[in-house]
Protein backbone atom coordinates (compact mmCIF):
# COMPACT_ATOMS: atom_id res chain seq x y z
CA MET A 1 113.25 94.46 96.00
CA LYS A 2 114.63 97.36 96.62
CA GLU A 3 113.13 100.66 98.16
CA VAL A 4 110.34 101.13 95.84
CA SER A 5 111.28 99.27 92.93
CA TYR A 6 112.66 96.07 91.30
CA ALA A 7 115.13 94.57 89.64
CA PHE A 8 115.76 91.30 87.37
CA ALA A 9 118.57 89.57 87.43
CA TRP A 10 118.26 88.46 84.05
CA PRO A 11 114.76 89.06 81.66
CA PRO A 12 112.11 86.51 82.29
CA THR A 13 110.84 83.93 79.42
CA ALA A 14 108.11 81.55 79.37
CA GLY A 15 108.04 78.17 81.09
CA LYS A 16 108.50 77.01 84.54
CA TRP A 17 110.44 79.08 86.82
CA MET A 18 111.19 79.13 90.19
CA PHE A 19 111.86 82.47 91.32
CA ARG A 20 114.49 83.54 93.64
CA LEU A 21 113.12 86.80 95.98
CA ARG A 22 115.25 88.45 97.82
CA ASN A 23 114.20 92.40 99.77
CA ASP A 24 117.36 94.18 99.33
CA GLY A 25 115.43 97.32 101.51
CA THR A 26 114.34 98.47 104.63
CA GLN A 27 110.99 97.50 104.64
CA ALA A 28 108.93 94.80 104.56
CA HIS A 29 108.37 94.57 100.10
CA GLU A 30 105.61 92.26 98.44
CA LEU A 31 105.98 91.25 94.52
CA LEU A 32 102.25 90.88 93.27
CA LEU A 33 102.30 89.20 89.72
CA LEU A 34 99.52 90.59 87.32
CA LYS A 35 98.88 89.10 83.72
CA LEU A 36 97.74 92.01 81.61
CA ALA A 37 94.60 92.20 78.72
CA PRO A 38 96.37 93.29 75.94
CA GLY A 39 97.55 96.21 75.41
CA ALA A 40 96.71 97.08 79.62
CA SER A 41 99.18 98.48 81.69
CA VAL A 42 99.78 98.01 85.75
CA GLN A 43 98.28 101.71 85.84
CA ASP A 44 95.49 101.16 83.90
CA LEU A 45 95.30 97.66 86.46
CA LEU A 46 95.65 100.08 89.44
CA ARG A 47 92.54 102.41 88.06
CA LEU A 48 90.20 99.75 89.31
CA TYR A 49 91.11 100.85 93.06
CA GLU A 50 89.73 105.09 92.19
CA PRO A 51 85.96 105.51 93.54
CA GLY A 52 82.94 105.30 90.92
CA ILE A 53 84.72 102.95 89.08
CA PRO A 54 83.13 99.36 87.83
CA GLY A 55 84.57 96.36 87.54
CA ASN A 56 88.02 96.18 85.45
CA PRO A 57 88.98 93.86 82.71
CA ALA A 58 92.99 94.84 82.39
CA GLY A 59 94.42 92.27 84.30
CA ARG A 60 94.24 89.72 87.21
CA THR A 61 96.16 88.81 89.76
CA ILE A 62 98.18 85.33 88.47
CA GLY A 63 100.38 84.97 91.95
CA GLY A 64 102.75 87.17 94.46
CA LEU A 65 104.87 86.66 97.86
CA THR A 66 103.71 88.87 100.36
CA GLY A 67 105.44 90.81 103.59
CA LEU A 68 108.99 89.31 102.88
CA SER A 69 111.74 91.50 105.39
CA PRO A 70 114.47 93.19 105.04
CA GLY A 71 117.49 91.06 103.44
CA ARG A 72 115.23 87.78 103.14
CA GLU A 73 114.65 85.51 100.64
CA ALA A 74 112.25 83.85 98.72
CA PHE A 75 111.36 81.53 96.35
CA LEU A 76 108.18 81.54 94.39
CA PRO A 77 107.39 78.86 91.20
CA LEU A 78 105.53 80.33 89.04
CA HIS A 79 104.49 78.60 85.32
CA VAL A 80 104.69 81.98 83.33
CA GLU A 81 103.15 82.11 79.67
CA PRO A 82 104.42 84.46 76.89
CA GLY A 83 102.64 88.42 77.07
CA ARG A 84 102.39 90.87 78.86
CA TYR A 85 102.63 91.50 83.07
CA GLY A 86 102.87 93.80 85.60
CA ILE A 87 103.99 93.41 89.03
CA LEU A 88 103.71 95.95 91.97
CA CYS A 89 103.70 96.29 95.90
CA PHE A 90 100.62 97.19 98.03
CA LEU A 91 102.95 97.17 100.92
CA ALA A 92 102.48 101.07 102.88
CA ASP A 93 105.55 102.49 103.94
CA PRO A 94 104.42 102.79 107.92
CA ARG A 95 105.86 107.26 107.90
CA ARG A 96 104.12 107.74 104.86
CA ARG A 97 101.24 105.52 105.60
CA THR A 98 101.06 104.50 101.43
CA PRO A 99 101.43 101.63 99.51
CA HIS A 100 104.46 101.18 97.73
CA PHE A 101 103.25 101.39 94.17
CA MET A 102 102.82 105.22 95.08
CA ALA A 103 106.17 105.80 94.75
CA GLY A 104 106.67 104.08 91.70
CA MET A 105 107.08 100.17 92.91
CA TRP A 106 105.11 98.17 89.90
CA MET A 107 106.92 97.41 86.73
CA ASP A 108 105.03 96.38 83.23
CA ILE A 109 106.67 93.62 81.28
CA ASP A 110 106.85 91.86 78.40
CA VAL A 111 107.61 87.75 78.32
CA PRO A 112 108.75 86.46 75.00
CA SER A 113 108.28 83.28 74.26
CA ALA A 114 111.83 81.23 75.46
CA SER A 115 114.91 82.20 74.02
CA ALA A 116 116.30 80.94 70.80
CA PRO A 117 119.95 79.64 71.50
CA ALA A 118 122.42 82.93 70.79
CA THR A 119 124.11 83.59 67.16
CA PRO A 120 127.91 83.69 66.64
């Protein structure tokens, strides 16, 4: 995690993982992992929070970690199935008082099945 962005050391694949999360930003951050419905995006899921929108079938939360202070690390065990996921941070910027996802701290990711061995 960096200031309002996420980066992976390598793209995640399906399986049981122990994710090492590191906050290289200057504010506390979180990682909320969402399993998205086919064809949905994080932006579709965020519409749930718009006034007057009834339930939202775009996805569901499957895990995460909140309140990781700058310079700290944490580990998050997850079983990830192939499919479409989203990650985002709901924590607020203390100066702007808006959630980090509004500044771009979200991403959609496609998780393929476990990778086949590389061919020469």
